[in-house]
Amino acid sequence: MSPSDPTLAEGVRLAKLAASLGKDDSETLWMAGFTLAVLIGDLEGAIALIDRALALNPNSANAWRFSGVVRALLGETETAITDLERSARLSPLDAFAFVGSLGFVYAHFMAGRYEEASTWCDKTLHEMPDYAPALRMKAATCGLLGRLDEGHVWVERLLAVNPDETVSGMRLYYGVFMKNPGCLEALLDGLRKAGLPE
């Protein structure tokens, strides 16, 4: 999504409005925080809102899950894993467990543990087989681990879901919220090695 896209500005406006109007509602706060993280890369602002959500409701599996995802993107990988594990304990049969599993992928990937990230991709894709973020990460980890034939298979699956995906498109998308330049370049390098078109 381009920074000039009017729907982006509207999404940010609505997330900020939700955070303001729902300042005492934990579910509203974590959703607003995560929205701001993904749309404009405001990871610190997202954590502030998610932390407030957790102060209001320390038993919110959703807030712990998204705390884990955002902290993984911030590079706080061990805290992220702790938060994701807590979310899973609070809601072991959650319909959105695949999001938590993707959080584990990000946490291990950001820490350079590509084998562990790949294993968590398998779990995520078992839970949600056509989940594009997990397909991307699986292809990238295969590329980085030198499993190029397997990586090509995952790129084919990704392109079956999102036919227009490219390395340059992923730079724009992940560049918003993947703030560690080394991790972003590793992701793109892995996707390139696995055969995603430029």
N, C-alpha and C. Protein backbone atom coordinates (compact mmCIF):
# COMPACT_ATOMS: atom_id res chain seq x y z
N MET A 1 0.84 -1.18 0.00
CA MET A 1 0.00 0.00 0.00
C MET A 1 0.89 1.24 0.00
N SER A 2 0.60 2.14 -0.90
CA SER A 2 1.39 3.36 -1.01
C SER A 2 1.08 4.32 0.14
N PRO A 3 2.10 5.07 0.62
CA PRO A 3 1.84 6.05 1.68
C PRO A 3 0.82 7.11 1.27
N SER A 4 0.64 7.32 -0.03
CA SER A 4 -0.32 8.32 -0.50
C SER A 4 -1.73 7.74 -0.68
N ASP A 5 -1.88 6.44 -0.47
CA ASP A 5 -3.19 5.79 -0.62
C ASP A 5 -4.15 6.37 0.42
N PRO A 6 -5.29 6.94 -0.02
CA PRO A 6 -6.22 7.55 0.94
C PRO A 6 -6.80 6.54 1.94
N THR A 7 -6.87 5.27 1.55
CA THR A 7 -7.40 4.28 2.50
C THR A 7 -6.43 4.07 3.66
N LEU A 8 -5.13 4.28 3.42
CA LEU A 8 -4.16 4.17 4.50
C LEU A 8 -4.39 5.27 5.54
N ALA A 9 -4.53 6.49 5.08
CA ALA A 9 -4.77 7.61 5.99
C ALA A 9 -6.08 7.41 6.76
N GLU A 10 -7.09 6.88 6.09
CA GLU A 10 -8.37 6.64 6.76
C GLU A 10 -8.23 5.53 7.80
N GLY A 11 -7.48 4.49 7.48
CA GLY A 11 -7.25 3.42 8.45
C GLY A 11 -6.53 3.92 9.68
N VAL A 12 -5.54 4.77 9.49
CA VAL A 12 -4.79 5.34 10.62
C VAL A 12 -5.71 6.25 11.44
N ARG A 13 -6.51 7.06 10.76
CA ARG A 13 -7.44 7.95 11.47
C ARG A 13 -8.41 7.14 12.33
N LEU A 14 -8.95 6.06 11.75
CA LEU A 14 -9.92 5.25 12.48
C LEU A 14 -9.27 4.51 13.66
N ALA A 15 -8.03 4.04 13.47
CA ALA A 15 -7.34 3.36 14.57
C ALA A 15 -7.10 4.32 15.72
N LYS A 16 -6.67 5.53 15.41
CA LYS A 16 -6.45 6.53 16.47
C LYS A 16 -7.75 6.93 17.15
N LEU A 17 -8.82 7.04 16.36
CA LEU A 17 -10.12 7.35 16.94
C LEU A 17 -10.58 6.22 17.86
N ALA A 18 -10.40 4.99 17.42
CA ALA A 18 -10.78 3.84 18.25
C ALA A 18 -10.00 3.85 19.56
N ALA A 19 -8.70 4.12 19.48
CA ALA A 19 -7.87 4.15 20.70
C ALA A 19 -8.34 5.25 21.65
N SER A 20 -8.77 6.37 21.09
CA SER A 20 -9.23 7.49 21.91
C SER A 20 -10.59 7.18 22.55
N LEU A 21 -11.52 6.69 21.75
CA LEU A 21 -12.86 6.40 22.25
C LEU A 21 -12.90 5.15 23.13
N GLY A 22 -12.00 4.21 22.84
CA GLY A 22 -11.99 2.96 23.58
C GLY A 22 -10.85 2.85 24.55
N LYS A 23 -10.48 3.98 25.14
CA LYS A 23 -9.29 4.01 26.00
C LYS A 23 -9.40 3.14 27.25
N ASP A 24 -10.62 2.69 27.55
CA ASP A 24 -10.81 1.80 28.70
C ASP A 24 -11.27 0.40 28.28
N ASP A 25 -11.10 0.09 27.02
CA ASP A 25 -11.51 -1.22 26.50
C ASP A 25 -10.28 -1.95 25.97
N SER A 26 -9.90 -3.03 26.63
CA SER A 26 -8.64 -3.68 26.28
C SER A 26 -8.64 -4.21 24.85
N GLU A 27 -9.76 -4.76 24.39
CA GLU A 27 -9.79 -5.31 23.04
C GLU A 27 -9.63 -4.22 21.98
N THR A 28 -10.28 -3.10 22.20
CA THR A 28 -10.14 -1.97 21.27
C THR A 28 -8.70 -1.48 21.23
N LEU A 29 -8.06 -1.42 22.39
CA LEU A 29 -6.70 -0.87 22.45
C LEU A 29 -5.69 -1.74 21.71
N TRP A 30 -5.74 -3.07 21.92
CA TRP A 30 -4.74 -3.89 21.21
C TRP A 30 -4.98 -3.87 19.71
N MET A 31 -6.27 -3.85 19.31
CA MET A 31 -6.56 -3.81 17.87
C MET A 31 -6.07 -2.51 17.25
N ALA A 32 -6.31 -1.40 17.92
CA ALA A 32 -5.84 -0.11 17.41
C ALA A 32 -4.32 -0.09 17.34
N GLY A 33 -3.68 -0.60 18.39
CA GLY A 33 -2.22 -0.64 18.41
C GLY A 33 -1.66 -1.46 17.27
N PHE A 34 -2.19 -2.65 17.08
CA PHE A 34 -1.66 -3.50 16.01
C PHE A 34 -1.91 -2.88 14.64
N THR A 35 -3.05 -2.24 14.48
CA THR A 35 -3.35 -1.57 13.21
C THR A 35 -2.31 -0.49 12.91
N LEU A 36 -1.97 0.31 13.91
CA LEU A 36 -0.97 1.36 13.70
C LEU A 36 0.41 0.76 13.42
N ALA A 37 0.71 -0.37 14.03
CA ALA A 37 2.00 -1.03 13.77
C ALA A 37 2.10 -1.45 12.32
N VAL A 38 1.06 -2.07 11.81
CA VAL A 38 1.10 -2.62 10.45
C VAL A 38 0.95 -1.54 9.39
N LEU A 39 0.09 -0.56 9.65
CA LEU A 39 -0.16 0.46 8.61
C LEU A 39 0.95 1.49 8.50
N ILE A 40 1.49 1.94 9.63
CA ILE A 40 2.50 3.01 9.54
C ILE A 40 3.79 2.67 10.29
N GLY A 41 3.90 1.46 10.81
CA GLY A 41 5.14 1.05 11.47
C GLY A 41 5.37 1.70 12.81
N ASP A 42 4.30 2.16 13.46
CA ASP A 42 4.45 2.78 14.79
C ASP A 42 4.48 1.67 15.85
N LEU A 43 5.60 0.98 15.93
CA LEU A 43 5.71 -0.16 16.84
C LEU A 43 5.71 0.27 18.29
N GLU A 44 6.38 1.36 18.59
CA GLU A 44 6.43 1.84 19.98
C GLU A 44 5.04 2.30 20.43
N GLY A 45 4.35 3.03 19.56
CA GLY A 45 2.98 3.45 19.88
C GLY A 45 2.06 2.25 20.04
N ALA A 46 2.27 1.24 19.21
CA ALA A 46 1.46 0.01 19.30
C ALA A 46 1.68 -0.66 20.65
N ILE A 47 2.94 -0.77 21.06
CA ILE A 47 3.23 -1.42 22.35
C ILE A 47 2.61 -0.63 23.50
N ALA A 48 2.63 0.69 23.42
CA ALA A 48 2.02 1.50 24.48
C ALA A 48 0.53 1.18 24.60
N LEU A 49 -0.16 1.07 23.47
CA LEU A 49 -1.58 0.76 23.50
C LEU A 49 -1.82 -0.68 23.97
N ILE A 50 -1.00 -1.60 23.50
CA ILE A 50 -1.17 -3.00 23.90
C ILE A 50 -0.85 -3.16 25.39
N ASP A 51 0.16 -2.48 25.89
CA ASP A 51 0.47 -2.54 27.32
C ASP A 51 -0.69 -2.00 28.15
N ARG A 52 -1.33 -0.94 27.66
CA ARG A 52 -2.51 -0.41 28.37
C ARG A 52 -3.62 -1.46 28.36
N ALA A 53 -3.79 -2.13 27.21
CA ALA A 53 -4.81 -3.20 27.13
C ALA A 53 -4.53 -4.28 28.16
N LEU A 54 -3.27 -4.64 28.31
CA LEU A 54 -2.90 -5.70 29.27
C LEU A 54 -3.05 -5.22 30.71
N ALA A 55 -2.85 -3.94 30.95
CA ALA A 55 -3.07 -3.41 32.31
C ALA A 55 -4.55 -3.49 32.67
N LEU A 56 -5.40 -3.25 31.66
CA LEU A 56 -6.85 -3.33 31.89
C LEU A 56 -7.33 -4.77 32.01
N ASN A 57 -6.74 -5.66 31.22
CA ASN A 57 -7.16 -7.07 31.22
C ASN A 57 -5.95 -7.97 31.02
N PRO A 58 -5.29 -8.35 32.11
CA PRO A 58 -4.10 -9.19 31.99
C PRO A 58 -4.40 -10.62 31.54
N ASN A 59 -5.67 -10.94 31.35
CA ASN A 59 -6.05 -12.27 30.87
C ASN A 59 -6.51 -12.27 29.42
N SER A 60 -6.21 -11.20 28.70
CA SER A 60 -6.58 -11.13 27.28
C SER A 60 -5.56 -11.90 26.44
N ALA A 61 -5.96 -13.05 25.96
CA ALA A 61 -5.08 -13.85 25.09
C ALA A 61 -4.74 -13.07 23.83
N ASN A 62 -5.70 -12.30 23.32
CA ASN A 62 -5.45 -11.51 22.11
C ASN A 62 -4.37 -10.46 22.35
N ALA A 63 -4.48 -9.75 23.45
CA ALA A 63 -3.49 -8.70 23.73
C ALA A 63 -2.10 -9.29 23.91
N TRP A 64 -2.00 -10.43 24.61
CA TRP A 64 -0.69 -11.07 24.75
C TRP A 64 -0.16 -11.53 23.40
N ARG A 65 -1.05 -12.07 22.56
CA ARG A 65 -0.62 -12.55 21.23
C ARG A 65 -0.05 -11.41 20.40
N PHE A 66 -0.78 -10.30 20.36
CA PHE A 66 -0.31 -9.19 19.53
C PHE A 66 0.85 -8.44 20.17
N SER A 67 0.95 -8.48 21.48
CA SER A 67 2.15 -7.98 22.14
C SER A 67 3.36 -8.78 21.66
N GLY A 68 3.20 -10.10 21.59
CA GLY A 68 4.28 -10.95 21.11
C GLY A 68 4.67 -10.66 19.68
N VAL A 69 3.68 -10.48 18.82
CA VAL A 69 3.97 -10.20 17.41
C VAL A 69 4.73 -8.88 17.27
N VAL A 70 4.22 -7.84 17.92
CA VAL A 70 4.86 -6.51 17.78
C VAL A 70 6.24 -6.51 18.43
N ARG A 71 6.38 -7.14 19.59
CA ARG A 71 7.70 -7.19 20.23
C ARG A 71 8.69 -7.99 19.37
N ALA A 72 8.22 -9.01 18.68
CA ALA A 72 9.10 -9.73 17.76
C ALA A 72 9.60 -8.79 16.67
N LEU A 73 8.69 -8.00 16.11
CA LEU A 73 9.08 -7.06 15.07
C LEU A 73 10.03 -5.99 15.59
N LEU A 74 9.91 -5.66 16.88
CA LEU A 74 10.83 -4.70 17.50
C LEU A 74 12.20 -5.31 17.78
N GLY A 75 12.29 -6.63 17.67
CA GLY A 75 13.55 -7.31 17.97
C GLY A 75 13.65 -7.76 19.42
N GLU A 76 12.58 -7.58 20.19
CA GLU A 76 12.55 -8.04 21.59
C GLU A 76 12.11 -9.51 21.58
N THR A 77 12.96 -10.35 21.02
CA THR A 77 12.52 -11.70 20.66
C THR A 77 12.19 -12.59 21.86
N GLU A 78 12.96 -12.51 22.92
CA GLU A 78 12.68 -13.39 24.05
C GLU A 78 11.41 -12.96 24.79
N THR A 79 11.21 -11.65 24.93
CA THR A 79 9.96 -11.16 25.52
C THR A 79 8.78 -11.55 24.63
N ALA A 80 8.98 -11.45 23.33
CA ALA A 80 7.92 -11.84 22.38
C ALA A 80 7.51 -13.29 22.60
N ILE A 81 8.50 -14.16 22.71
CA ILE A 81 8.21 -15.59 22.89
C ILE A 81 7.45 -15.82 24.20
N THR A 82 7.87 -15.14 25.26
CA THR A 82 7.17 -15.26 26.55
C THR A 82 5.71 -14.82 26.42
N ASP A 83 5.49 -13.70 25.75
CA ASP A 83 4.12 -13.19 25.57
C ASP A 83 3.28 -14.15 24.72
N LEU A 84 3.86 -14.69 23.67
CA LEU A 84 3.14 -15.63 22.80
C LEU A 84 2.80 -16.92 23.53
N GLU A 85 3.73 -17.39 24.36
CA GLU A 85 3.46 -18.59 25.15
C GLU A 85 2.33 -18.34 26.15
N ARG A 86 2.30 -17.15 26.73
CA ARG A 86 1.24 -16.83 27.69
C ARG A 86 -0.11 -16.79 26.97
N SER A 87 -0.15 -16.20 25.79
CA SER A 87 -1.39 -16.16 25.01
C SER A 87 -1.89 -17.58 24.73
N ALA A 88 -0.99 -18.46 24.34
CA ALA A 88 -1.37 -19.84 24.01
C ALA A 88 -1.90 -20.57 25.25
N ARG A 89 -1.32 -20.29 26.41
CA ARG A 89 -1.81 -20.91 27.65
C ARG A 89 -3.21 -20.41 28.01
N LEU A 90 -3.45 -19.11 27.78
CA LEU A 90 -4.74 -18.53 28.11
C LEU A 90 -5.86 -19.01 27.19
N SER A 91 -5.51 -19.32 25.94
CA SER A 91 -6.53 -19.74 24.97
C SER A 91 -5.97 -20.84 24.08
N PRO A 92 -5.86 -22.05 24.61
CA PRO A 92 -5.18 -23.13 23.88
C PRO A 92 -5.89 -23.61 22.62
N LEU A 93 -7.18 -23.35 22.49
CA LEU A 93 -7.92 -23.80 21.31
C LEU A 93 -8.41 -22.61 20.48
N ASP A 94 -7.67 -21.54 20.52
CA ASP A 94 -8.07 -20.29 19.87
C ASP A 94 -8.13 -20.44 18.35
N ALA A 95 -9.19 -19.89 17.76
CA ALA A 95 -9.35 -19.93 16.30
C ALA A 95 -8.27 -19.12 15.60
N PHE A 96 -7.65 -18.18 16.31
CA PHE A 96 -6.61 -17.34 15.71
C PHE A 96 -5.21 -17.74 16.18
N ALA A 97 -5.07 -18.99 16.57
CA ALA A 97 -3.76 -19.48 17.02
C ALA A 97 -2.70 -19.31 15.94
N PHE A 98 -3.10 -19.36 14.67
CA PHE A 98 -2.14 -19.22 13.58
C PHE A 98 -1.42 -17.87 13.62
N VAL A 99 -2.07 -16.84 14.14
CA VAL A 99 -1.42 -15.53 14.26
C VAL A 99 -0.31 -15.61 15.31
N GLY A 100 -0.60 -16.29 16.41
CA GLY A 100 0.43 -16.49 17.43
C GLY A 100 1.59 -17.31 16.89
N SER A 101 1.27 -18.33 16.12
CA SER A 101 2.33 -19.15 15.52
C SER A 101 3.21 -18.31 14.60
N LEU A 102 2.58 -17.40 13.84
CA LEU A 102 3.37 -16.50 13.00
C LEU A 102 4.24 -15.59 13.85
N GLY A 103 3.74 -15.20 15.02
CA GLY A 103 4.56 -14.41 15.94
C GLY A 103 5.83 -15.14 16.33
N PHE A 104 5.72 -16.45 16.60
CA PHE A 104 6.91 -17.26 16.89
C PHE A 104 7.85 -17.28 15.67
N VAL A 105 7.28 -17.35 14.47
CA VAL A 105 8.11 -17.30 13.26
C VAL A 105 8.93 -16.02 13.26
N TYR A 106 8.24 -14.88 13.44
CA TYR A 106 8.93 -13.59 13.42
C TYR A 106 10.00 -13.50 14.52
N ALA A 107 9.66 -13.97 15.72
CA ALA A 107 10.61 -13.89 16.83
C ALA A 107 11.89 -14.66 16.51
N HIS A 108 11.74 -15.88 16.01
CA HIS A 108 12.94 -16.67 15.69
C HIS A 108 13.67 -16.10 14.47
N PHE A 109 12.91 -15.62 13.49
CA PHE A 109 13.55 -15.05 12.29
C PHE A 109 14.37 -13.82 12.67
N MET A 110 13.80 -12.94 13.49
CA MET A 110 14.51 -11.71 13.89
C MET A 110 15.76 -12.03 14.69
N ALA A 111 15.75 -13.17 15.38
CA ALA A 111 16.93 -13.58 16.16
C ALA A 111 17.92 -14.36 15.31
N GLY A 112 17.63 -14.53 14.02
CA GLY A 112 18.53 -15.26 13.13
C GLY A 112 18.44 -16.77 13.27
N ARG A 113 17.41 -17.25 13.93
CA ARG A 113 17.22 -18.70 14.11
C ARG A 113 16.28 -19.20 13.01
N TYR A 114 16.83 -19.35 11.81
CA TYR A 114 16.00 -19.65 10.64
C TYR A 114 15.42 -21.06 10.68
N GLU A 115 16.14 -22.00 11.25
CA GLU A 115 15.61 -23.37 11.36
C GLU A 115 14.37 -23.38 12.25
N GLU A 116 14.43 -22.71 13.39
CA GLU A 116 13.28 -22.64 14.29
C GLU A 116 12.13 -21.87 13.63
N ALA A 117 12.47 -20.79 12.92
CA ALA A 117 11.43 -20.03 12.21
C ALA A 117 10.73 -20.92 11.18
N SER A 118 11.50 -21.72 10.47
CA SER A 118 10.93 -22.62 9.47
C SER A 118 10.00 -23.64 10.10
N THR A 119 10.39 -24.18 11.26
CA THR A 119 9.55 -25.14 11.96
C THR A 119 8.23 -24.50 12.39
N TRP A 120 8.29 -23.27 12.87
CA TRP A 120 7.07 -22.57 13.25
C TRP A 120 6.23 -22.22 12.03
N CYS A 121 6.85 -22.00 10.87
CA CYS A 121 6.08 -21.81 9.64
C CYS A 121 5.24 -23.05 9.36
N ASP A 122 5.85 -24.23 9.55
CA ASP A 122 5.12 -25.48 9.31
C ASP A 122 3.88 -25.54 10.20
N LYS A 123 4.03 -25.16 11.46
CA LYS A 123 2.89 -25.18 12.39
C LYS A 123 1.83 -24.18 11.95
N THR A 124 2.27 -23.00 11.58
CA THR A 124 1.34 -21.96 11.14
C THR A 124 0.56 -22.43 9.91
N LEU A 125 1.27 -23.02 8.95
CA LEU A 125 0.63 -23.46 7.72
C LEU A 125 -0.24 -24.70 7.92
N HIS A 126 0.04 -25.46 8.95
CA HIS A 126 -0.86 -26.56 9.31
C HIS A 126 -2.19 -25.99 9.80
N GLU A 127 -2.11 -24.88 10.55
CA GLU A 127 -3.30 -24.24 11.10
C GLU A 127 -4.05 -23.43 10.04
N MET A 128 -3.32 -22.83 9.09
CA MET A 128 -3.92 -21.97 8.07
C MET A 128 -3.11 -22.13 6.77
N PRO A 129 -3.46 -23.13 5.95
CA PRO A 129 -2.60 -23.52 4.82
C PRO A 129 -2.31 -22.45 3.77
N ASP A 130 -3.21 -21.50 3.56
CA ASP A 130 -2.99 -20.49 2.52
C ASP A 130 -2.66 -19.12 3.10
N TYR A 131 -2.13 -19.09 4.30
CA TYR A 131 -1.83 -17.82 4.98
C TYR A 131 -0.56 -17.22 4.36
N ALA A 132 -0.76 -16.16 3.57
CA ALA A 132 0.35 -15.59 2.79
C ALA A 132 1.56 -15.20 3.63
N PRO A 133 1.39 -14.55 4.81
CA PRO A 133 2.59 -14.21 5.58
C PRO A 133 3.43 -15.43 5.95
N ALA A 134 2.78 -16.54 6.27
CA ALA A 134 3.52 -17.76 6.62
C ALA A 134 4.16 -18.38 5.38
N LEU A 135 3.48 -18.32 4.25
CA LEU A 135 4.05 -18.83 3.00
C LEU A 135 5.31 -18.03 2.63
N ARG A 136 5.25 -16.71 2.81
CA ARG A 136 6.42 -15.88 2.52
C ARG A 136 7.59 -16.26 3.42
N MET A 137 7.31 -16.37 4.71
CA MET A 137 8.38 -16.67 5.66
C MET A 137 8.95 -18.07 5.43
N LYS A 138 8.10 -19.02 5.05
CA LYS A 138 8.58 -20.38 4.78
C LYS A 138 9.50 -20.36 3.57
N ALA A 139 9.09 -19.68 2.51
CA ALA A 139 9.94 -19.58 1.32
C ALA A 139 11.26 -18.91 1.66
N ALA A 140 11.20 -17.83 2.44
CA ALA A 140 12.42 -17.09 2.79
C ALA A 140 13.36 -17.94 3.64
N THR A 141 12.82 -18.66 4.63
CA THR A 141 13.70 -19.48 5.46
C THR A 141 14.33 -20.60 4.64
N CYS A 142 13.57 -21.18 3.73
CA CYS A 142 14.15 -22.21 2.86
C CYS A 142 15.29 -21.63 2.03
N GLY A 143 15.08 -20.43 1.49
CA GLY A 143 16.13 -19.78 0.72
C GLY A 143 17.37 -19.53 1.55
N LEU A 144 17.20 -19.05 2.77
CA LEU A 144 18.34 -18.74 3.63
C LEU A 144 19.05 -20.00 4.13
N LEU A 145 18.30 -21.09 4.25
CA LEU A 145 18.89 -22.36 4.70
C LEU A 145 19.45 -23.19 3.55
N GLY A 146 19.39 -22.66 2.33
CA GLY A 146 19.94 -23.36 1.17
C GLY A 146 19.05 -24.48 0.64
N ARG A 147 17.80 -24.52 1.07
CA ARG A 147 16.85 -25.54 0.59
C ARG A 147 16.09 -24.95 -0.60
N LEU A 148 16.81 -24.76 -1.69
CA LEU A 148 16.26 -23.97 -2.79
C LEU A 148 15.13 -24.68 -3.51
N ASP A 149 15.22 -25.98 -3.70
CA ASP A 149 14.13 -26.71 -4.36
C ASP A 149 12.85 -26.60 -3.54
N GLU A 150 12.98 -26.79 -2.23
CA GLU A 150 11.82 -26.66 -1.35
C GLU A 150 11.31 -25.22 -1.37
N GLY A 151 12.23 -24.27 -1.37
CA GLY A 151 11.84 -22.87 -1.43
C GLY A 151 11.03 -22.54 -2.67
N HIS A 152 11.42 -23.12 -3.81
CA HIS A 152 10.68 -22.89 -5.06
C HIS A 152 9.24 -23.40 -4.94
N VAL A 153 9.07 -24.53 -4.27
CA VAL A 153 7.72 -25.08 -4.07
C VAL A 153 6.87 -24.12 -3.26
N TRP A 154 7.47 -23.54 -2.20
CA TRP A 154 6.71 -22.61 -1.37
C TRP A 154 6.42 -21.31 -2.11
N VAL A 155 7.34 -20.86 -2.95
CA VAL A 155 7.06 -19.67 -3.76
C VAL A 155 5.90 -19.94 -4.72
N GLU A 156 5.87 -21.14 -5.30
CA GLU A 156 4.75 -21.48 -6.18
C GLU A 156 3.43 -21.45 -5.43
N ARG A 157 3.43 -21.96 -4.20
CA ARG A 157 2.21 -21.92 -3.38
C ARG A 157 1.82 -20.49 -3.05
N LEU A 158 2.82 -19.66 -2.74
CA LEU A 158 2.56 -18.26 -2.44
C LEU A 158 1.96 -17.56 -3.65
N LEU A 159 2.53 -17.79 -4.82
CA LEU A 159 2.05 -17.13 -6.03
C LEU A 159 0.67 -17.64 -6.44
N ALA A 160 0.32 -18.85 -6.03
CA ALA A 160 -1.04 -19.35 -6.29
C ALA A 160 -2.05 -18.57 -5.44
N VAL A 161 -1.61 -18.12 -4.26
CA VAL A 161 -2.48 -17.34 -3.37
C VAL A 161 -2.47 -15.86 -3.77
N ASN A 162 -1.29 -15.33 -4.01
CA ASN A 162 -1.10 -13.91 -4.38
C ASN A 162 -0.23 -13.83 -5.63
N PRO A 163 -0.83 -13.91 -6.81
CA PRO A 163 -0.05 -14.00 -8.06
C PRO A 163 0.87 -12.82 -8.35
N ASP A 164 0.60 -11.66 -7.77
CA ASP A 164 1.37 -10.46 -8.10
C ASP A 164 2.52 -10.18 -7.13
N GLU A 165 2.83 -11.11 -6.22
CA GLU A 165 3.89 -10.85 -5.24
C GLU A 165 5.26 -10.79 -5.90
N THR A 166 6.06 -9.82 -5.45
CA THR A 166 7.42 -9.65 -5.94
C THR A 166 8.33 -9.28 -4.77
N VAL A 167 9.62 -9.41 -4.98
CA VAL A 167 10.57 -9.00 -3.96
C VAL A 167 10.44 -7.50 -3.68
N SER A 168 10.30 -6.70 -4.72
CA SER A 168 10.18 -5.24 -4.52
C SER A 168 8.89 -4.90 -3.78
N GLY A 169 7.82 -5.62 -4.05
CA GLY A 169 6.58 -5.40 -3.32
C GLY A 169 6.72 -5.76 -1.85
N MET A 170 7.46 -6.83 -1.58
CA MET A 170 7.68 -7.23 -0.19
C MET A 170 8.58 -6.24 0.54
N ARG A 171 9.49 -5.60 -0.18
CA ARG A 171 10.31 -4.55 0.44
C ARG A 171 9.41 -3.40 0.92
N LEU A 172 8.47 -3.01 0.08
CA LEU A 172 7.56 -1.93 0.45
C LEU A 172 6.67 -2.35 1.62
N TYR A 173 6.14 -3.57 1.55
CA TYR A 173 5.21 -4.05 2.58
C TYR A 173 5.90 -4.23 3.93
N TYR A 174 6.95 -5.04 3.96
CA TYR A 174 7.62 -5.33 5.22
C TYR A 174 8.48 -4.16 5.71
N GLY A 175 8.90 -3.30 4.79
CA GLY A 175 9.71 -2.16 5.18
C GLY A 175 9.00 -1.21 6.13
N VAL A 176 7.67 -1.24 6.12
CA VAL A 176 6.90 -0.37 7.01
C VAL A 176 7.10 -0.77 8.46
N PHE A 177 7.06 -2.08 8.74
CA PHE A 177 7.07 -2.50 10.15
C PHE A 177 8.23 -3.41 10.54
N MET A 178 9.04 -3.83 9.58
CA MET A 178 10.23 -4.62 9.92
C MET A 178 11.39 -3.65 9.97
N LYS A 179 11.62 -3.08 11.15
CA LYS A 179 12.52 -1.94 11.30
C LYS A 179 14.01 -2.31 11.28
N ASN A 180 14.33 -3.55 11.60
CA ASN A 180 15.74 -3.96 11.59
C ASN A 180 16.17 -4.18 10.14
N PRO A 181 17.04 -3.29 9.60
CA PRO A 181 17.41 -3.41 8.19
C PRO A 181 18.04 -4.78 7.86
N GLY A 182 18.81 -5.32 8.77
CA GLY A 182 19.43 -6.63 8.51
C GLY A 182 18.39 -7.72 8.35
N CYS A 183 17.35 -7.68 9.17
CA CYS A 183 16.29 -8.69 9.08
C CYS A 183 15.48 -8.52 7.80
N LEU A 184 15.19 -7.28 7.44
CA LEU A 184 14.46 -7.03 6.19
C LEU A 184 15.26 -7.54 5.00
N GLU A 185 16.55 -7.23 4.96
CA GLU A 185 17.38 -7.68 3.83
C GLU A 185 17.51 -9.20 3.82
N ALA A 186 17.57 -9.83 4.99
CA ALA A 186 17.62 -11.30 5.04
C ALA A 186 16.35 -11.89 4.48
N LEU A 187 15.20 -11.32 4.86
CA LEU A 187 13.92 -11.80 4.34
C LEU A 187 13.89 -11.70 2.82
N LEU A 188 14.26 -10.55 2.30
CA LEU A 188 14.23 -10.35 0.86
C LEU A 188 15.22 -11.26 0.14
N ASP A 189 16.39 -11.44 0.74
CA ASP A 189 17.40 -12.33 0.16
C ASP A 189 16.88 -13.76 0.11
N GLY A 190 16.24 -14.20 1.20
CA GLY A 190 15.69 -15.54 1.22
C GLY A 190 14.61 -15.73 0.18
N LEU A 191 13.73 -14.75 0.03
CA LEU A 191 12.68 -14.83 -0.98
C LEU A 191 13.26 -14.85 -2.39
N ARG A 192 14.29 -14.05 -2.60
CA ARG A 192 14.95 -14.01 -3.91
C ARG A 192 15.59 -15.36 -4.23
N LYS A 193 16.30 -15.92 -3.26
CA LYS A 193 16.94 -17.23 -3.46
C LYS A 193 15.92 -18.33 -3.71
N ALA A 194 14.74 -18.20 -3.09
CA ALA A 194 13.69 -19.21 -3.27
C ALA A 194 12.95 -19.04 -4.59
N GLY A 195 13.24 -17.94 -5.31
CA GLY A 195 12.69 -17.79 -6.64
C GLY A 195 11.55 -16.79 -6.79
N LEU A 196 11.28 -15.97 -5.76
CA LEU A 196 10.24 -14.97 -5.93
C LEU A 196 10.72 -13.93 -6.95
N PRO A 197 9.89 -13.58 -7.91
CA PRO A 197 10.32 -12.60 -8.92
C PRO A 197 10.65 -11.25 -8.31
N GLU A 198 11.58 -10.55 -8.95
CA GLU A 198 11.95 -9.22 -8.47
C GLU A 198 10.82 -8.24 -8.66
